[in-house]
């Protein structure tokens, strides 16, 4: 009698190399903003643009602290100014908070506000305000969409851009 036994051995080797990809996720500023009017004429002068910022889910720092709103006016528009006779003169009002200061830096409007309540607090910027004797803001000479970039910080000056910046359609002069 002859007996044969066959034994099969199956060895599997699996090698996996994990890949880690680090993606920078920019921090988003809180709040939202609207703008009016929705359209202007290319190169048109005498414009007053109202940008209304509404606070997000966090209240802004209380006095003596403050939060910051920074609005970048598009290139080609009148440069923002704090002098009443400047075409880019701007004024600021706050609903629910206290305006602690305002200034300009190139094409940026910078506003410091304390105590702005979450979700309901508002900062209203009148860019091209003619109340000081200025002529109002002049729009860019080219047609297209003009985005006013809005950044916010609920405390201090380290601002982050909000989602969906407000924009104005700049059309042909008629």
C-alpha atoms as a PDB file:
ATOM      1  CA  UNK A   1       0.000   0.000   0.000  1.00  0.00           C
ATOM      2  CA  UNK A   2       1.344   3.276  -1.016  1.00  0.00           C
ATOM      3  CA  UNK A   3      -0.025   6.504   0.497  1.00  0.00           C
ATOM      4  CA  UNK A   4       0.789   9.939  -0.819  1.00  0.00           C
ATOM      5  CA  UNK A   5      -0.082  13.094   1.108  1.00  0.00           C
ATOM      6  CA  UNK A   6       0.155  16.480  -0.576  1.00  0.00           C
ATOM      7  CA  UNK A   7       0.155  19.596   1.562  1.00  0.00           C
ATOM      8  CA  UNK A   8      -0.453  22.961  -0.146  1.00  0.00           C
ATOM      9  CA  UNK A   9       0.796  26.119   1.501  1.00  0.00           C
ATOM     10  CA  UNK A  10      -0.487  29.528   0.314  1.00  0.00           C
ATOM     11  CA  UNK A  11       1.421  32.552   1.564  1.00  0.00           C
ATOM     12  CA  UNK A  12       0.129  36.012   0.715  1.00  0.00           C
ATOM     13  CA  UNK A  13       2.164  39.135   1.195  1.00  0.00           C
ATOM     14  CA  UNK A  14       0.427  42.507   1.040  1.00  0.00           C
ATOM     15  CA  UNK A  15       2.412  45.692   1.187  1.00  0.00           C
ATOM     16  CA  UNK A  16       0.622  49.001   1.596  1.00  0.00           C
ATOM     17  CA  UNK A  17       2.245  52.386   1.646  1.00  0.00           C
ATOM     18  CA  UNK A  18      -0.055  55.023   3.132  1.00  0.00           C
ATOM     19  CA  UNK A  19      -0.088  58.398   1.433  1.00  0.00           C
ATOM     20  CA  UNK A  20      -0.770  61.458   3.551  1.00  0.00           C
ATOM     21  CA  UNK A  21      -1.669  64.652   1.764  1.00  0.00           C
ATOM     22  CA  UNK A  22      -1.798  67.819   3.811  1.00  0.00           C
ATOM     23  CA  UNK A  23      -4.208  70.370   2.413  1.00  0.00           C
ATOM     24  CA  UNK A  24      -4.281  73.928   3.604  1.00  0.00           C
ATOM     25  CA  UNK A  25      -7.833  74.880   4.472  1.00  0.00           C
ATOM     26  CA  UNK A  26      -8.098  78.635   4.708  1.00  0.00           C
ATOM     27  CA  UNK A  27      -9.971  79.983   7.672  1.00  0.00           C
ATOM     28  CA  UNK A  28     -13.161  81.757   6.695  1.00  0.00           C
ATOM     29  CA  UNK A  29     -14.260  85.018   8.252  1.00  0.00           C
ATOM     30  CA  UNK A  30     -17.626  85.137   9.965  1.00  0.00           C
ATOM     31  CA  UNK A  31     -20.612  87.057   8.719  1.00  0.00           C
ATOM     32  CA  UNK A  32     -22.097  88.077   5.389  1.00  0.00           C
ATOM     33  CA  UNK A  33     -22.318  91.251   3.329  1.00  0.00           C
ATOM     34  CA  UNK A  34     -24.665  92.838   0.822  1.00  0.00           C
ATOM     35  CA  UNK A  35     -24.084  95.787  -1.479  1.00  0.00           C
ATOM     36  CA  UNK A  36     -26.224  98.363  -3.229  1.00  0.00           C
ATOM     37  CA  UNK A  37     -26.733  99.452  -5.871  1.00  0.00           C
ATOM     38  CA  UNK A  38     -26.325  96.204  -7.800  1.00  0.00           C
ATOM     39  CA  UNK A  39     -25.048  97.936 -10.942  1.00  0.00           C
ATOM     40  CA  UNK A  40     -23.260 101.130 -12.008  1.00  0.00           C
ATOM     41  CA  UNK A  41     -21.950 102.600 -15.265  1.00  0.00           C
ATOM     42  CA  UNK A  42     -18.319 102.075 -16.246  1.00  0.00           C
ATOM     43  CA  UNK A  43     -16.360 105.227 -15.378  1.00  0.00           C
ATOM     44  CA  UNK A  44     -19.463 106.740 -13.776  1.00  0.00           C
ATOM     45  CA  UNK A  45     -18.863 109.351 -11.069  1.00  0.00           C
ATOM     46  CA  UNK A  46     -20.979 110.385  -8.107  1.00  0.00           C
ATOM     47  CA  UNK A  47     -21.656 106.865  -6.816  1.00  0.00           C
ATOM     48  CA  UNK A  48     -22.484 106.101  -3.198  1.00  0.00           C
ATOM     49  CA  UNK A  49     -22.060 102.401  -2.510  1.00  0.00           C
ATOM     50  CA  UNK A  50     -23.627 100.951   0.637  1.00  0.00           C
ATOM     51  CA  UNK A  51     -21.986  97.796   2.006  1.00  0.00           C
ATOM     52  CA  UNK A  52     -23.938  96.197   4.838  1.00  0.00           C
ATOM     53  CA  UNK A  53     -22.086  93.611   6.892  1.00  0.00           C
ATOM     54  CA  UNK A  54     -24.055  91.314   9.225  1.00  0.00           C
ATOM     55  CA  UNK A  55     -22.211  89.527  12.043  1.00  0.00           C
ATOM     56  CA  UNK A  56     -21.928  85.747  12.069  1.00  0.00           C
ATOM     57  CA  UNK A  57     -22.605  83.297  14.917  1.00  0.00           C
ATOM     58  CA  UNK A  58     -20.040  84.834  17.307  1.00  0.00           C
ATOM     59  CA  UNK A  59     -20.338  88.131  19.138  1.00  0.00           C
ATOM     60  CA  UNK A  60     -17.503  90.591  18.587  1.00  0.00           C
ATOM     61  CA  UNK A  61     -15.119  91.438  21.425  1.00  0.00           C
ATOM     62  CA  UNK A  62     -16.468  93.879  23.996  1.00  0.00           C
ATOM     63  CA  UNK A  63     -14.722  97.143  24.830  1.00  0.00           C
ATOM     64  CA  UNK A  64     -11.844  97.695  25.446  1.00  0.00           C
ATOM     65  CA  UNK A  65     -11.399  94.906  22.876  1.00  0.00           C
ATOM     66  CA  UNK A  66     -12.774  95.106  19.347  1.00  0.00           C
ATOM     67  CA  UNK A  67     -13.253  93.229  16.099  1.00  0.00           C
ATOM     68  CA  UNK A  68     -12.183  94.350  12.626  1.00  0.00           C
ATOM     69  CA  UNK A  69     -14.006  94.719   9.327  1.00  0.00           C
ATOM     70  CA  UNK A  70     -11.769  95.222   6.288  1.00  0.00           C
ATOM     71  CA  UNK A  71     -13.256  95.962   2.853  1.00  0.00           C
ATOM     72  CA  UNK A  72     -11.040  96.063  -0.231  1.00  0.00           C
ATOM     73  CA  UNK A  73     -12.386  98.381  -2.924  1.00  0.00           C
ATOM     74  CA  UNK A  74     -11.696  97.046  -6.458  1.00  0.00           C
ATOM     75  CA  UNK A  75      -8.844  98.531  -8.495  1.00  0.00           C
ATOM     76  CA  UNK A  76      -9.940 101.369 -10.748  1.00  0.00           C
ATOM     77  CA  UNK A  77     -12.454 102.781  -8.278  1.00  0.00           C
ATOM     78  CA  UNK A  78     -11.869 105.944  -6.230  1.00  0.00           C
ATOM     79  CA  UNK A  79      -9.401 105.324  -3.453  1.00  0.00           C
ATOM     80  CA  UNK A  80     -11.163 105.273  -0.049  1.00  0.00           C
ATOM     81  CA  UNK A  81     -10.550 108.320   2.128  1.00  0.00           C
ATOM     82  CA  UNK A  82     -11.427 109.768   5.500  1.00  0.00           C
ATOM     83  CA  UNK A  83     -11.524 113.374   4.218  1.00  0.00           C
ATOM     84  CA  UNK A  84     -15.077 114.580   3.503  1.00  0.00           C
ATOM     85  CA  UNK A  85     -14.057 116.119   0.188  1.00  0.00           C
ATOM     86  CA  UNK A  86     -12.475 112.919  -1.140  1.00  0.00           C
ATOM     87  CA  UNK A  87     -14.495 111.105  -3.868  1.00  0.00           C
ATOM     88  CA  UNK A  88     -13.905 107.852  -1.937  1.00  0.00           C
ATOM     89  CA  UNK A  89     -14.961 109.384   1.403  1.00  0.00           C
ATOM     90  CA  UNK A  90     -16.685 106.796   3.570  1.00  0.00           C
ATOM     91  CA  UNK A  91     -18.789 106.903   6.700  1.00  0.00           C
ATOM     92  CA  UNK A  92     -19.629 104.036   9.038  1.00  0.00           C
ATOM     93  CA  UNK A  93     -22.625 103.241  11.241  1.00  0.00           C
ATOM     94  CA  UNK A  94     -23.138 100.270  13.523  1.00  0.00           C
ATOM     95  CA  UNK A  95     -26.346  98.630  14.668  1.00  0.00           C
ATOM     96  CA  UNK A  96     -25.762  96.909  17.987  1.00  0.00           C
ATOM     97  CA  UNK A  97     -22.050  97.690  18.362  1.00  0.00           C
ATOM     98  CA  UNK A  98     -19.785 100.691  18.867  1.00  0.00           C
ATOM     99  CA  UNK A  99     -17.490 102.030  16.141  1.00  0.00           C
ATOM    100  CA  UNK A 100     -14.086 102.489  17.810  1.00  0.00           C
ATOM    101  CA  UNK A 101     -12.121 103.731  14.822  1.00  0.00           C
ATOM    102  CA  UNK A 102     -11.687 103.746  11.077  1.00  0.00           C
ATOM    103  CA  UNK A 103      -8.834 104.229   8.673  1.00  0.00           C
ATOM    104  CA  UNK A 104      -7.654 103.461   5.149  1.00  0.00           C
ATOM    105  CA  UNK A 105      -4.706 101.569   3.779  1.00  0.00           C
ATOM    106  CA  UNK A 106      -4.344 101.860  -0.001  1.00  0.00           C
ATOM    107  CA  UNK A 107      -7.695 100.510  -1.297  1.00  0.00           C
ATOM    108  CA  UNK A 108      -8.791  99.075   2.064  1.00  0.00           C
ATOM    109  CA  UNK A 109     -11.473 100.473   4.344  1.00  0.00           C
ATOM    110  CA  UNK A 110     -10.695  99.351   7.907  1.00  0.00           C
ATOM    111  CA  UNK A 111     -13.283  99.609  10.685  1.00  0.00           C
ATOM    112  CA  UNK A 112     -12.862  98.685  14.364  1.00  0.00           C
ATOM    113  CA  UNK A 113     -16.065  97.814  16.249  1.00  0.00           C
ATOM    114  CA  UNK A 114     -16.687  96.506  19.757  1.00  0.00           C
ATOM    115  CA  UNK A 115     -19.672  94.656  21.162  1.00  0.00           C
ATOM    116  CA  UNK A 116     -21.284  93.681  17.831  1.00  0.00           C
ATOM    117  CA  UNK A 117     -23.919  91.050  18.706  1.00  0.00           C
ATOM    118  CA  UNK A 118     -23.921  87.661  16.989  1.00  0.00           C
ATOM    119  CA  UNK A 119     -26.204  87.194  13.956  1.00  0.00           C
ATOM    120  CA  UNK A 120     -28.001  90.539  14.290  1.00  0.00           C
ATOM    121  CA  UNK A 121     -25.243  93.142  14.617  1.00  0.00           C
ATOM    122  CA  UNK A 122     -24.575  95.228  11.501  1.00  0.00           C
ATOM    123  CA  UNK A 123     -21.866  97.537  10.208  1.00  0.00           C
ATOM    124  CA  UNK A 124     -22.977  99.845   7.407  1.00  0.00           C
ATOM    125  CA  UNK A 125     -20.292 101.470   5.250  1.00  0.00           C
ATOM    126  CA  UNK A 126     -21.268 104.304   2.900  1.00  0.00           C
ATOM    127  CA  UNK A 127     -18.402 104.473   0.386  1.00  0.00           C
ATOM    128  CA  UNK A 128     -18.528 107.561  -1.845  1.00  0.00           C
ATOM    129  CA  UNK A 129     -20.575 109.412   0.781  1.00  0.00           C
ATOM    130  CA  UNK A 130     -21.197 112.997  -0.409  1.00  0.00           C
ATOM    131  CA  UNK A 131     -22.199 114.420   2.998  1.00  0.00           C
ATOM    132  CA  UNK A 132     -18.743 115.986   3.478  1.00  0.00           C
ATOM    133  CA  UNK A 133     -18.805 117.806   0.139  1.00  0.00           C
ATOM    134  CA  UNK A 134     -17.108 115.128  -1.974  1.00  0.00           C
ATOM    135  CA  UNK A 135     -18.265 114.200  -5.459  1.00  0.00           C
ATOM    136  CA  UNK A 136     -18.988 110.512  -4.761  1.00  0.00           C
ATOM    137  CA  UNK A 137     -16.986 107.505  -5.889  1.00  0.00           C
ATOM    138  CA  UNK A 138     -15.998 106.920  -9.498  1.00  0.00           C
ATOM    139  CA  UNK A 139     -16.423 103.366 -10.799  1.00  0.00           C
ATOM    140  CA  UNK A 140     -13.803 101.470 -12.773  1.00  0.00           C
ATOM    141  CA  UNK A 141     -13.629 102.262 -16.489  1.00  0.00           C
ATOM    142  CA  UNK A 142     -13.926  98.639 -17.667  1.00  0.00           C
ATOM    143  CA  UNK A 143     -17.147  96.620 -17.651  1.00  0.00           C
ATOM    144  CA  UNK A 144     -17.639  93.397 -15.727  1.00  0.00           C
ATOM    145  CA  UNK A 145     -18.139  92.287 -12.159  1.00  0.00           C
ATOM    146  CA  UNK A 146     -16.520  94.334  -9.401  1.00  0.00           C
ATOM    147  CA  UNK A 147     -15.971  92.350  -6.182  1.00  0.00           C
ATOM    148  CA  UNK A 148     -15.638  94.207  -2.883  1.00  0.00           C
ATOM    149  CA  UNK A 149     -13.594  91.751  -0.788  1.00  0.00           C
ATOM    150  CA  UNK A 150     -14.824  91.688   2.819  1.00  0.00           C
ATOM    151  CA  UNK A 151     -12.755  90.300   5.684  1.00  0.00           C
ATOM    152  CA  UNK A 152     -13.664  90.101   9.358  1.00  0.00           C
ATOM    153  CA  UNK A 153     -12.245  89.264  12.769  1.00  0.00           C
ATOM    154  CA  UNK A 154     -14.451  88.978  15.844  1.00  0.00           C
ATOM    155  CA  UNK A 155     -11.481  89.957  18.014  1.00  0.00           C
ATOM    156  CA  UNK A 156      -8.324  91.840  17.085  1.00  0.00           C
ATOM    157  CA  UNK A 157      -7.017  92.619  13.618  1.00  0.00           C
ATOM    158  CA  UNK A 158      -6.173  89.219  12.095  1.00  0.00           C
ATOM    159  CA  UNK A 159      -8.979  89.133   9.499  1.00  0.00           C
ATOM    160  CA  UNK A 160     -10.209  86.313   7.249  1.00  0.00           C
ATOM    161  CA  UNK A 161     -12.230  86.645   4.050  1.00  0.00           C
ATOM    162  CA  UNK A 162     -15.945  85.917   4.307  1.00  0.00           C
ATOM    163  CA  UNK A 163     -17.633  83.592   1.832  1.00  0.00           C
ATOM    164  CA  UNK A 164     -19.470  85.175  -1.097  1.00  0.00           C
ATOM    165  CA  UNK A 165     -18.057  88.692  -1.350  1.00  0.00           C
ATOM    166  CA  UNK A 166     -20.586  91.301  -2.494  1.00  0.00           C
ATOM    167  CA  UNK A 167     -20.292  92.464  -6.090  1.00  0.00           C
ATOM    168  CA  UNK A 168     -21.565  95.142  -8.450  1.00  0.00           C
ATOM    169  CA  UNK A 169     -22.127  94.743 -12.177  1.00  0.00           C
ATOM    170  CA  UNK A 170     -20.313  97.499 -14.072  1.00  0.00           C
ATOM    171  CA  UNK A 171     -22.061  98.134 -17.385  1.00  0.00           C
ATOM    172  CA  UNK A 172     -21.488 100.231 -20.490  1.00  0.00           C
ATOM    173  CA  UNK A 173     -22.052 103.957 -20.131  1.00  0.00           C
ATOM    174  CA  UNK A 174     -25.333 104.950 -21.777  1.00  0.00           C
END
